[in-house]
Structures are given as C-alpha cells and as structure tokens.
Amino acid sequence: MTSSATQTLPPLRTIPPQIASVTDYERYAQERVSEANWAYLNSAAADQITRRDNRQAWDAIRLLNRNLMAMDGGNTELELFGERYAYPIFIAPVAYHRLVHPDGELATALAAQAMQAGMVLSTLSSISLENVATNTATPLWFQLYIQPEKKYTQSLVARAEAAGYKALVVTVDAPVTGMRNAEQRAQFVLPKGVTAANLADMPSPDVCTAVPGTSPIFGSGMVQALPTWDDIAWLVSITRLPVLVKGVLNPKDAQDALRVGAAGIIVSNHGGRVMDTLPATIEALPGVAEKVAGRVPILLDGGIRRGTDIVKALALGASAVLVGLPIIHGLAAAGAPGVAHVLHILRTELELAMVLCGCKNLGEINKEVIWQT
C-alpha cells in the first residue's frame, strides 16, 4: 500500500510574508504531508460536489456595506452555554492531527489558548482528551460519536466531564462511512504511531465485508446498530453538559434535536465527506434557523475561508462558526504558530468586515448586511 507516514518537508520555522490569507497555507501544507494522508484529510465523498459547493456558495452571497457608523466600543464577544468567548470562531473537530504534525492536537490546543479560541476535540483525536485538557487552558468541547455499545459512549462522556470539557458535540450525520474515492485511490491507512487515542481501551468495530451478489449495507447487519434520536435523548439524560447536535441540514432534524433536548445545533454536511450532492451549509442555514427560531444557538461549518464568510453566517442565523481544514493546513505548515496565524487572519478579516458593514458588535449583524438582488 501507499505509505501514509512521513512528511516530505519539516514545518516552517518562520511564516513567510507570502502567506496573507488562510488559503495560502494550503500549498505549504501539502508539501509537508504525504500523498495518502493528504487524500484522507482533504478529499470528500464520491465526486466531491458538496465540498466544492460549500466554498462556492459563500462566494455567491454579496454583502452590503454601511458607511460612517460609529465604531467606538466595538467588539466580537459572545456567550455560549455560560462561557464568554472573545470571538465566534471555533476550531472544528478533525480526526488525527498527528497525521500532519508530530505534536498533533496539543499544538492545535496551544494555538487556541494563545488566540483565545474555543476548540472542539474529535473522538478520533490522536492525543487523548485528558492529555489535551491537561495541557491547555482554552475552553474545550468534546465531539462524540455514539459507540455501538452504550457503556463505551457513557465512558467517553464521563471522561470528558471529568477532564473539564464544557460541552458535548454529538455527530449524527455519519452513521456510515462515506465513499471517499480519492482516499481509496491513495490507499490510505493510518501510519504507525497514529491511533484514535480516546478509543484505545475499546474494541475495534466489526468490519463488514460484503459478499458479491448480496446486499452490501442492508444485508451486513450494520444498520441494526445505528443510533437513533432515542440515543440522543439518552445521551442528554446522562450528562450535565450541554449537548449540541452536529450534522443538521434538514429543518426536520432540527425539530427532532430540539424535541430530545439538544442545547445547540451545528449546521454541517461533514465537509461533504459522507454524502455527496448535499446542499452547502450556508444554503441550508436559513431553513434550520427558521425552524429553531432562536430557541438554541446555531453554529455552522463548511468551506469558511474568509472573515466575510463569518459575517454572512451570522447574518443568516448562526451564533458562531467552526473552521476545520484551514486549521489543519496551518498545523501542517507551521505547527502551533501556523494555527495561531490562521485564527488571527480570520479574526482580523471578521473585524474589518464588521466595520465596513457598520456593525460594532455581533448583535448588530443581521440580514440587512446581505445584498438582496
């Protein structure tokens, strides 16, 4: 199989002035990540149409500026679930940070702390949730995949609570693994030394190998163990932490999430990595926001590359956004300083866009900043 182990170049010692936007990091990152690892982290399902549309949908929205507005006392602060955050940009949960940098999630968390950013740690983190929490003072949320056996899900929840995590983010849009053809072609396998550290003491899931001529999914027995909304209700009942449901595009799912007690909703299509031809997240946001009607906070991820994207998300109903791939690109290129720089660029662009749209705080960002054709 194709090796997915070594980086071809070491991380940058200094960040060159040619890196002026978060997308500039992509080239430097790719030079430092093996072909197979790159395919795993940067590809999406099937023909990658949703991945493409996630980005293009932002570009199709136009902002309307507002001139000569007083900006004294301006800020980007917000409160979520009893915690104050300096700005509405969170690090999204991405698996296996050690695929791109030896310090993995520890470097990412260090950058988050330095830049006062919230961070969501993946169940599939390559550093244990306890280790990350011990080594950072930044507010952490834990992203949770419902495990096949409830006792293992309950164990992860208890560990997150004990380690001081502030919220649980349960991913609901990946009950099965997407057909990521680019990853298949690159023959990706986890390299030696990179594992799902949080699942070390849990049994590996059964691998269902379809027999030609039989039903590959429905005939495998796999679907019988898939979680349902009853499992989310159970999860809410066993934890003192707020539970956010991640992976909502359909307003009916938003309604179900509220019904079972979700404290927040994350509009996400998993970066197009599970199912292709889904709508872009920013396209789905207004319908979800209308159904939620302000009852719980809504966050959003998917294709965010500019501060203007963040303004658009907030204007259409989000309270905050999560950024994934640009963080990984910054980590691959320059370690913790690269991640910190990505966050700094996005926050700077957000504040510039707010000034130019005449909004001195997040509460003033509304649909009036969107150009209506």
Protein backbone atom coordinates (compact mmCIF):
# COMPACT_ATOMS: atom_id res chain seq x y z
CA MET A 1 0.00 0.00 0.00
CA THR A 2 0.99 3.61 -0.47
CA SER A 3 2.86 4.90 2.55
CA SER A 4 0.96 7.46 4.64
CA ALA A 5 3.69 8.03 7.19
CA THR A 6 6.28 10.71 6.64
CA GLN A 7 6.21 14.39 5.88
CA THR A 8 8.27 15.47 2.91
CA LEU A 9 9.39 18.80 4.41
CA PRO A 10 9.76 19.94 8.02
CA PRO A 11 7.38 22.57 9.44
CA LEU A 12 8.21 26.16 8.64
CA ARG A 13 10.43 27.88 11.22
CA THR A 14 9.03 31.30 10.33
CA ILE A 15 5.87 32.21 8.49
CA PRO A 16 6.72 33.83 5.15
CA PRO A 17 5.03 37.11 4.15
CA GLN A 18 3.58 35.34 1.12
CA ILE A 19 1.04 33.75 3.48
CA ALA A 20 -1.51 36.56 3.60
CA SER A 21 -4.78 34.58 3.66
CA VAL A 22 -5.73 31.23 5.14
CA THR A 23 -5.89 29.64 1.69
CA ASP A 24 -2.20 30.49 1.18
CA TYR A 25 -1.39 27.83 3.77
CA GLU A 26 -2.71 25.01 1.59
CA ARG A 27 0.33 24.83 -0.71
CA TYR A 28 2.78 24.90 2.20
CA ALA A 29 0.77 22.21 3.99
CA GLN A 30 0.61 19.87 1.01
CA GLU A 31 4.39 20.00 0.67
CA ARG A 32 4.67 18.66 4.22
CA VAL A 33 2.10 15.87 4.18
CA SER A 34 2.27 12.51 2.42
CA GLU A 35 0.04 11.95 -0.58
CA ALA A 36 -2.12 9.39 1.20
CA ASN A 37 -2.55 11.49 4.35
CA TRP A 38 -3.41 14.48 2.19
CA ALA A 39 -6.08 12.47 0.36
CA TYR A 40 -7.61 11.38 3.67
CA LEU A 41 -7.77 14.89 5.13
CA ASN A 42 -8.64 16.88 2.03
CA SER A 43 -10.92 14.66 -0.04
CA ALA A 44 -14.65 14.19 0.19
CA ALA A 45 -17.27 11.68 -0.86
CA ALA A 46 -17.76 10.50 -4.43
CA ASP A 47 -17.28 13.35 -6.93
CA GLN A 48 -16.72 15.97 -4.20
CA ILE A 49 -19.54 18.17 -5.46
CA THR A 50 -20.69 19.15 -1.97
CA ARG A 51 -17.14 20.01 -0.97
CA ARG A 52 -16.90 22.32 -3.99
CA ASP A 53 -20.33 23.84 -3.38
CA ASN A 54 -19.51 24.56 0.28
CA ARG A 55 -16.97 27.08 -0.96
CA GLN A 56 -18.81 28.40 -4.00
CA ALA A 57 -21.99 29.11 -2.05
CA TRP A 58 -20.15 31.63 0.13
CA ASP A 59 -18.85 33.41 -2.95
CA ALA A 60 -22.36 33.73 -4.38
CA ILE A 61 -23.58 35.80 -1.40
CA ARG A 62 -22.94 39.53 -1.52
CA LEU A 63 -22.56 41.83 1.47
CA LEU A 64 -23.97 45.36 1.65
CA ASN A 65 -21.67 47.89 3.29
CA ARG A 66 -22.74 50.71 5.62
CA ASN A 67 -20.67 53.88 5.87
CA LEU A 68 -19.77 56.37 8.59
CA MET A 69 -21.14 54.35 11.51
CA ALA A 70 -19.66 54.91 14.98
CA MET A 71 -17.40 52.03 15.97
CA ASP A 72 -16.29 53.07 19.46
CA GLY A 73 -16.68 50.18 21.91
CA GLY A 74 -16.72 47.66 19.12
CA ASN A 75 -16.06 44.01 19.96
CA THR A 76 -16.64 40.43 18.79
CA GLU A 77 -17.50 38.88 22.15
CA LEU A 78 -20.24 36.31 22.67
CA GLU A 79 -21.55 34.00 25.35
CA LEU A 80 -22.39 30.36 24.75
CA PHE A 81 -23.56 27.94 27.43
CA GLY A 82 -22.35 30.18 30.24
CA GLU A 83 -18.86 30.76 28.82
CA ARG A 84 -17.55 34.02 27.36
CA TYR A 85 -15.63 33.83 24.08
CA ALA A 86 -13.55 36.59 22.53
CA TYR A 87 -14.87 35.92 19.04
CA PRO A 88 -17.22 33.50 17.24
CA ILE A 89 -14.59 31.27 15.62
CA PHE A 90 -14.12 27.76 16.99
CA ILE A 91 -11.69 25.06 15.91
CA ALA A 92 -13.79 22.31 14.38
CA PRO A 93 -13.31 18.65 15.31
CA VAL A 94 -10.93 16.99 12.85
CA ALA A 95 -9.52 13.50 13.35
CA TYR A 96 -5.87 12.56 13.76
CA HIS A 97 -3.95 15.86 13.88
CA ARG A 98 -0.75 13.85 14.19
CA LEU A 99 -1.13 12.90 10.54
CA VAL A 100 0.24 16.37 9.76
CA HIS A 101 2.36 17.32 12.79
CA PRO A 102 4.05 15.22 15.50
CA ASP A 103 2.57 17.33 18.32
CA GLY A 104 -0.92 16.82 16.94
CA GLU A 105 -3.83 18.20 18.93
CA LEU A 106 -1.50 19.50 21.64
CA ALA A 107 -0.10 22.04 19.18
CA THR A 108 -3.59 22.96 17.99
CA ALA A 109 -4.80 23.48 21.56
CA LEU A 110 -1.73 25.58 22.39
CA ALA A 111 -2.57 27.88 19.49
CA ALA A 112 -6.21 28.04 20.55
CA GLN A 113 -5.15 29.10 24.03
CA ALA A 114 -2.79 31.75 22.70
CA MET A 115 -5.52 33.16 20.45
CA GLN A 116 -8.41 32.83 22.96
CA ALA A 117 -10.33 30.49 20.66
CA GLY A 118 -12.66 27.67 21.60
CA MET A 119 -11.72 24.21 20.35
CA VAL A 120 -13.77 21.07 19.69
CA LEU A 121 -11.72 17.89 20.12
CA SER A 122 -12.60 14.88 18.00
CA THR A 123 -13.40 11.45 19.36
CA LEU A 124 -10.77 10.36 16.82
CA SER A 125 -8.11 12.66 18.26
CA SER A 126 -4.60 11.24 18.07
CA ILE A 127 -3.96 12.63 21.58
CA SER A 128 -6.21 11.59 24.46
CA LEU A 129 -8.88 14.00 25.63
CA GLU A 130 -7.31 14.05 29.11
CA ASN A 131 -3.86 14.90 27.76
CA VAL A 132 -5.20 17.77 25.67
CA ALA A 133 -7.24 19.15 28.58
CA THR A 134 -4.28 18.97 30.97
CA ASN A 135 -2.08 20.94 28.61
CA THR A 136 -4.35 23.85 27.72
CA ALA A 137 -6.45 26.47 29.44
CA THR A 138 -8.61 27.12 26.39
CA PRO A 139 -12.31 26.15 26.65
CA LEU A 140 -12.72 22.68 25.16
CA TRP A 141 -15.77 20.91 23.79
CA PHE A 142 -15.72 17.19 23.04
CA GLN A 143 -17.05 15.81 19.77
CA LEU A 144 -18.69 12.45 20.32
CA TYR A 145 -19.51 9.57 18.02
CA ILE A 146 -22.15 7.32 19.54
CA GLN A 147 -20.43 3.97 20.11
CA PRO A 148 -22.03 0.60 19.28
CA GLU A 149 -22.31 -0.24 22.99
CA LYS A 150 -23.77 2.32 25.38
CA LYS A 151 -21.20 1.61 28.08
CA TYR A 152 -18.43 2.91 25.82
CA THR A 153 -20.37 6.05 24.95
CA GLN A 154 -21.04 6.59 28.64
CA SER A 155 -17.34 6.13 29.41
CA LEU A 156 -16.36 8.82 26.90
CA VAL A 157 -18.94 11.21 28.34
CA ALA A 158 -17.73 10.61 31.89
CA ARG A 159 -14.12 11.17 30.84
CA ALA A 160 -15.00 14.44 29.10
CA GLU A 161 -16.90 15.66 32.15
CA ALA A 162 -14.05 14.71 34.50
CA ALA A 163 -11.48 16.44 32.28
CA GLY A 164 -13.39 19.73 32.34
CA TYR A 165 -14.88 19.87 28.85
CA LYS A 166 -17.61 22.48 28.54
CA ALA A 167 -19.96 20.81 26.05
CA LEU A 168 -20.56 17.66 24.04
CA VAL A 169 -20.90 17.80 20.26
CA VAL A 170 -22.56 14.62 19.02
CA THR A 171 -22.12 13.98 15.31
CA VAL A 172 -25.26 12.50 13.75
CA ASP A 173 -24.59 12.72 10.00
CA ALA A 174 -22.02 9.94 9.70
CA PRO A 175 -23.76 6.71 10.79
CA VAL A 176 -21.88 5.03 7.96
CA THR A 177 -18.56 5.94 6.35
CA GLY A 178 -18.75 7.92 3.13
CA MET A 179 -17.45 6.52 -0.14
CA ARG A 180 -14.33 8.70 -0.41
CA ASN A 181 -12.93 7.59 -3.74
CA ALA A 182 -9.85 9.85 -3.68
CA GLU A 183 -8.86 8.36 -0.34
CA GLN A 184 -9.43 4.86 -1.72
CA ARG A 185 -7.26 5.57 -4.75
CA ALA A 186 -4.46 6.85 -2.50
CA GLN A 187 -4.74 3.61 -0.44
CA PHE A 188 -4.77 5.49 2.85
CA VAL A 189 -4.08 3.60 6.07
CA LEU A 190 -3.25 5.07 9.44
CA PRO A 191 0.53 5.19 9.78
CA LYS A 192 2.31 3.54 12.66
CA GLY A 193 2.08 5.63 15.81
CA VAL A 194 -1.16 7.43 14.87
CA THR A 195 -4.23 5.98 16.57
CA ALA A 196 -7.59 7.01 17.94
CA ALA A 197 -6.19 7.65 21.42
CA ASN A 198 -9.61 8.05 23.07
CA LEU A 199 -10.72 4.61 21.91
CA ALA A 200 -7.60 2.72 22.96
CA ASP A 201 -9.39 0.55 25.53
CA MET A 202 -12.44 -0.12 23.39
CA PRO A 203 -12.97 -2.97 20.92
CA SER A 204 -12.48 -2.21 17.25
CA PRO A 205 -15.74 -2.11 15.30
CA ASP A 206 -16.53 -5.17 13.25
CA VAL A 207 -15.55 -4.82 9.62
CA CYS A 208 -18.40 -5.91 7.41
CA THR A 209 -17.13 -7.42 4.17
CA ALA A 210 -19.87 -7.71 1.61
CA VAL A 211 -20.20 -10.91 -0.38
CA PRO A 212 -20.63 -10.18 -4.10
CA GLY A 213 -24.24 -10.58 -5.09
CA THR A 214 -25.59 -9.80 -1.61
CA SER A 215 -26.78 -6.52 -0.09
CA PRO A 216 -23.57 -4.68 0.93
CA ILE A 217 -25.14 -2.41 3.55
CA PHE A 218 -28.63 -3.58 4.49
CA GLY A 219 -27.54 -7.22 4.41
CA SER A 220 -24.44 -6.69 6.54
CA GLY A 221 -26.11 -6.37 9.94
CA MET A 222 -24.51 -2.96 10.35
CA VAL A 223 -27.72 -0.94 10.14
CA GLN A 224 -29.23 -2.65 13.17
CA ALA A 225 -26.71 -0.94 15.44
CA LEU A 226 -27.07 2.58 14.01
CA PRO A 227 -28.08 5.27 16.52
CA THR A 228 -31.48 6.97 16.52
CA TRP A 229 -32.97 10.07 18.13
CA ASP A 230 -33.72 7.91 21.17
CA ASP A 231 -29.97 7.57 21.66
CA ILE A 232 -29.57 11.36 21.61
CA ALA A 233 -32.33 11.68 24.21
CA TRP A 234 -30.49 9.09 26.33
CA LEU A 235 -27.23 11.00 25.91
CA VAL A 236 -28.86 14.23 27.07
CA SER A 237 -30.19 12.38 30.12
CA ILE A 238 -26.80 11.04 31.29
CA THR A 239 -24.71 14.21 31.19
CA ARG A 240 -24.65 17.54 32.93
CA LEU A 241 -23.01 19.11 29.86
CA PRO A 242 -24.93 20.87 27.09
CA VAL A 243 -25.31 18.58 24.09
CA LEU A 244 -25.03 20.05 20.60
CA VAL A 245 -26.20 18.04 17.61
CA LYS A 246 -23.78 18.32 14.67
CA GLY A 247 -24.70 17.43 11.11
CA VAL A 248 -28.08 19.11 10.71
CA LEU A 249 -29.19 20.35 7.28
CA ASN A 250 -32.84 19.32 7.28
CA PRO A 251 -35.20 21.52 9.35
CA LYS A 252 -37.00 18.32 10.40
CA ASP A 253 -33.77 17.13 12.04
CA ALA A 254 -33.51 20.48 13.83
CA GLN A 255 -37.01 19.93 15.15
CA ASP A 256 -36.11 16.43 16.35
CA ALA A 257 -32.94 17.72 18.01
CA LEU A 258 -34.96 20.25 19.98
CA ARG A 259 -37.51 17.59 20.88
CA VAL A 260 -34.89 15.35 22.50
CA GLY A 261 -33.31 18.20 24.47
CA ALA A 262 -30.35 19.41 22.39
CA ALA A 263 -28.84 22.61 23.75
CA GLY A 264 -27.46 23.67 20.37
CA ILE A 265 -27.36 22.73 16.70
CA ILE A 266 -24.45 22.69 14.28
CA VAL A 267 -25.36 23.04 10.62
CA SER A 268 -22.87 20.81 8.85
CA ASN A 269 -22.58 18.43 5.91
CA HIS A 270 -19.37 16.87 7.28
CA GLY A 271 -17.39 18.71 4.64
CA GLY A 272 -19.11 16.59 2.01
CA ARG A 273 -17.15 13.59 3.30
CA VAL A 274 -20.12 11.30 3.98
CA MET A 275 -22.71 12.01 1.27
CA ASP A 276 -22.16 13.89 -1.94
CA THR A 277 -24.61 16.35 -3.58
CA LEU A 278 -25.92 17.63 -0.25
CA PRO A 279 -26.57 21.38 -0.12
CA ALA A 280 -23.86 23.73 1.02
CA THR A 281 -24.18 24.52 4.71
CA ILE A 282 -24.78 28.24 4.18
CA GLU A 283 -27.64 27.32 1.83
CA ALA A 284 -29.21 25.10 4.49
CA LEU A 285 -28.73 27.55 7.37
CA PRO A 286 -31.77 29.81 6.82
CA GLY A 287 -34.23 26.92 6.83
CA VAL A 288 -32.75 25.49 10.03
CA ALA A 289 -32.68 28.93 11.67
CA GLU A 290 -36.34 29.48 10.83
CA LYS A 291 -37.30 26.17 12.43
CA VAL A 292 -35.16 26.76 15.54
CA ALA A 293 -36.49 30.32 15.92
CA GLY A 294 -33.84 31.37 18.41
CA ARG A 295 -34.59 28.65 20.96
CA VAL A 296 -30.99 27.36 21.00
CA PRO A 297 -27.73 28.61 19.49
CA ILE A 298 -26.88 27.54 15.95
CA LEU A 299 -23.29 27.08 14.78
CA LEU A 300 -22.10 26.28 11.27
CA ASP A 301 -19.09 24.84 9.47
CA GLY A 302 -18.20 24.09 5.87
CA GLY A 303 -15.95 25.95 3.46
CA ILE A 304 -15.24 29.02 5.60
CA ARG A 305 -12.10 30.73 4.33
CA ARG A 306 -12.70 34.46 4.91
CA GLY A 307 -13.91 36.80 7.61
CA THR A 308 -16.67 37.89 5.25
CA ASP A 309 -17.94 34.29 5.29
CA ILE A 310 -18.34 34.56 9.05
CA VAL A 311 -20.36 37.77 8.74
CA LYS A 312 -22.63 36.05 6.21
CA ALA A 313 -23.15 33.08 8.54
CA LEU A 314 -24.04 35.30 11.48
CA ALA A 315 -26.34 37.41 9.33
CA LEU A 316 -28.29 34.32 8.25
CA GLY A 317 -28.80 32.86 11.72
CA ALA A 318 -25.60 31.40 13.17
CA SER A 319 -24.16 32.42 16.52
CA ALA A 320 -20.65 31.20 15.68
CA VAL A 321 -18.71 29.15 13.15
CA LEU A 322 -16.28 26.25 13.21
CA VAL A 323 -13.20 26.09 10.99
CA GLY A 324 -11.52 22.81 10.16
CA LEU A 325 -9.28 22.40 7.12
CA PRO A 326 -7.57 25.81 7.34
CA ILE A 327 -6.56 24.88 10.90
CA ILE A 328 -5.10 21.58 9.69
CA HIS A 329 -3.27 23.36 6.88
CA GLY A 330 -1.77 25.85 9.34
CA LEU A 331 -0.76 23.00 11.64
CA ALA A 332 0.88 21.04 8.82
CA ALA A 333 2.76 24.06 7.53
CA ALA A 334 3.99 25.62 10.76
CA GLY A 335 2.72 23.82 13.84
CA ALA A 336 1.11 25.85 16.61
CA PRO A 337 2.25 29.21 15.14
CA GLY A 338 0.54 28.30 11.87
CA VAL A 339 -2.74 27.53 13.63
CA ALA A 340 -2.49 30.76 15.63
CA HIS A 341 -1.86 32.71 12.42
CA VAL A 342 -4.92 31.18 10.74
CA LEU A 343 -7.09 32.24 13.69
CA HIS A 344 -5.53 35.72 13.69
CA ILE A 345 -6.18 36.18 9.97
CA LEU A 346 -9.82 35.14 10.26
CA ARG A 347 -10.47 37.29 13.31
CA THR A 348 -8.84 40.29 11.65
CA GLU A 349 -10.89 39.82 8.49
CA LEU A 350 -14.06 39.41 10.56
CA GLU A 351 -13.47 42.69 12.39
CA LEU A 352 -12.65 44.52 9.16
CA ALA A 353 -15.85 43.24 7.56
CA MET A 354 -17.89 44.26 10.60
CA VAL A 355 -16.52 47.81 10.46
CA LEU A 356 -17.24 48.08 6.75
CA CYS A 357 -20.77 46.72 7.23
CA GLY A 358 -21.39 49.18 10.07
CA CYS A 359 -21.68 46.53 12.82
CA LYS A 360 -19.75 47.22 16.01
CA ASN A 361 -20.80 44.01 17.75
CA LEU A 362 -22.16 40.62 16.79
CA GLY A 363 -25.70 41.55 17.78
CA GLU A 364 -25.80 44.15 15.02
CA ILE A 365 -25.07 41.60 12.29
CA ASN A 366 -28.38 40.68 10.68
CA LYS A 367 -29.96 40.11 7.27
CA GLU A 368 -29.63 43.82 6.47
CA VAL A 369 -25.93 43.27 5.70
CA ILE A 370 -26.83 40.80 2.92
CA TRP A 371 -27.30 42.34 -0.51
CA GLN A 372 -30.73 41.36 -1.80
CA THR A 373 -30.89 41.11 -5.59
